[in-house]
């Protein structure tokens, strides 16, 4: 993912509001996505499972579960799942 892609992924007026974290604007979301990708010893992949989309006029709320898989250079894998707002913590598993 390049900075250009991360910048274009969300609308300029996007706001991320996640329980337990401060609200993030467009620049903060981009920085959060790009920073870990600069570490070339790891490969990150995200998948999402959309549970529900609620549309209210020109606003939408999405309930989803993120799955993050990190593959390290030595072949080890870590997988983490997180959903909001019902689960405030990540659930981790490791595999080779």
Protein backbone atom coordinates (compact mmCIF):
# COMPACT_ATOMS: atom_id res chain seq x y z
CA UNK A 1 0.00 0.00 0.00
CA UNK A 2 1.41 3.34 -0.97
CA UNK A 3 0.75 6.64 0.72
CA UNK A 4 -1.21 7.66 -2.36
CA UNK A 5 -3.46 4.60 -2.08
CA UNK A 6 -3.92 5.12 1.67
CA UNK A 7 -4.79 8.77 1.03
CA UNK A 8 -7.35 7.89 -1.65
CA UNK A 9 -8.91 4.98 0.25
CA UNK A 10 -11.15 7.25 2.36
CA UNK A 11 -13.08 10.45 1.68
CA UNK A 12 -11.26 13.61 2.80
CA UNK A 13 -13.87 14.27 5.51
CA UNK A 14 -13.78 10.73 6.97
CA UNK A 15 -13.86 10.32 10.75
CA UNK A 16 -12.97 7.09 12.53
CA UNK A 17 -14.65 6.76 15.89
CA UNK A 18 -13.62 3.56 17.70
CA UNK A 19 -14.38 2.92 21.35
CA UNK A 20 -11.24 3.22 23.45
CA UNK A 21 -9.34 5.31 20.90
CA UNK A 22 -9.39 8.99 20.06
CA UNK A 23 -11.29 10.10 16.97
CA UNK A 24 -9.09 10.02 13.86
CA UNK A 25 -9.32 12.24 10.81
CA UNK A 26 -8.18 11.50 7.26
CA UNK A 27 -4.47 12.20 7.88
CA UNK A 28 -4.38 10.16 11.11
CA UNK A 29 -6.01 7.17 9.41
CA UNK A 30 -3.55 7.36 6.50
CA UNK A 31 -0.57 7.52 8.86
CA UNK A 32 -1.91 4.59 10.86
CA UNK A 33 -2.18 2.48 7.70
CA UNK A 34 1.15 3.45 6.12
CA UNK A 35 3.51 3.37 9.14
CA UNK A 36 3.60 -0.42 9.70
CA UNK A 37 4.00 -1.09 6.00
CA UNK A 38 7.43 0.50 6.00
CA UNK A 39 8.76 -2.55 7.91
CA UNK A 40 9.88 -4.83 5.07
CA UNK A 41 10.48 -7.83 7.38
CA UNK A 42 6.72 -8.34 7.75
CA UNK A 43 3.82 -8.81 5.35
CA UNK A 44 0.45 -7.51 6.54
CA UNK A 45 -2.93 -8.51 5.14
CA UNK A 46 -6.35 -7.41 6.31
CA UNK A 47 -9.72 -8.97 5.65
CA UNK A 48 -13.07 -7.71 6.81
CA UNK A 49 -16.37 -9.38 7.45
CA UNK A 50 -19.15 -6.80 7.18
CA UNK A 51 -21.92 -7.66 9.61
CA UNK A 52 -24.27 -4.72 9.12
CA UNK A 53 -24.51 -1.40 7.25
CA UNK A 54 -26.89 1.26 8.55
CA UNK A 55 -27.55 4.28 6.33
CA UNK A 56 -28.96 7.51 7.74
CA UNK A 57 -29.31 10.11 4.99
CA UNK A 58 -25.77 11.02 3.93
CA UNK A 59 -24.11 9.08 6.77
CA UNK A 60 -23.43 5.35 7.12
CA UNK A 61 -22.38 3.20 10.07
CA UNK A 62 -20.68 -0.14 9.45
CA UNK A 63 -20.42 -2.97 11.97
CA UNK A 64 -17.62 -5.32 10.96
CA UNK A 65 -14.91 -7.72 12.12
CA UNK A 66 -11.32 -7.07 11.01
CA UNK A 67 -8.87 -9.94 10.62
CA UNK A 68 -5.20 -8.98 10.47
CA UNK A 69 -2.59 -11.55 9.46
CA UNK A 70 1.10 -10.72 9.89
CA UNK A 71 3.61 -12.99 8.15
CA UNK A 72 7.18 -12.53 9.32
CA UNK A 73 10.30 -13.20 7.25
CA UNK A 74 10.95 -16.44 9.18
CA UNK A 75 7.56 -17.84 8.13
CA UNK A 76 5.77 -17.34 11.45
CA UNK A 77 2.23 -16.00 11.23
CA UNK A 78 0.12 -14.09 13.71
CA UNK A 79 -3.58 -13.62 13.17
CA UNK A 80 -5.70 -11.15 15.09
CA UNK A 81 -9.43 -10.50 14.96
CA UNK A 82 -11.24 -7.48 16.31
CA UNK A 83 -14.79 -6.31 16.16
CA UNK A 84 -16.35 -3.11 17.48
CA UNK A 85 -18.15 -2.09 19.55
CA UNK A 86 -18.87 -5.46 21.14
CA UNK A 87 -15.25 -6.58 21.52
CA UNK A 88 -12.77 -3.95 22.77
CA UNK A 89 -9.76 -6.28 22.55
CA UNK A 90 -7.92 -8.12 19.78
CA UNK A 91 -7.90 -11.94 19.82
CA UNK A 92 -4.53 -13.36 18.72
CA UNK A 93 -3.41 -16.70 17.37
CA UNK A 94 -0.02 -17.86 16.06
CA UNK A 95 0.86 -20.42 13.42
CA UNK A 96 3.78 -21.42 11.29
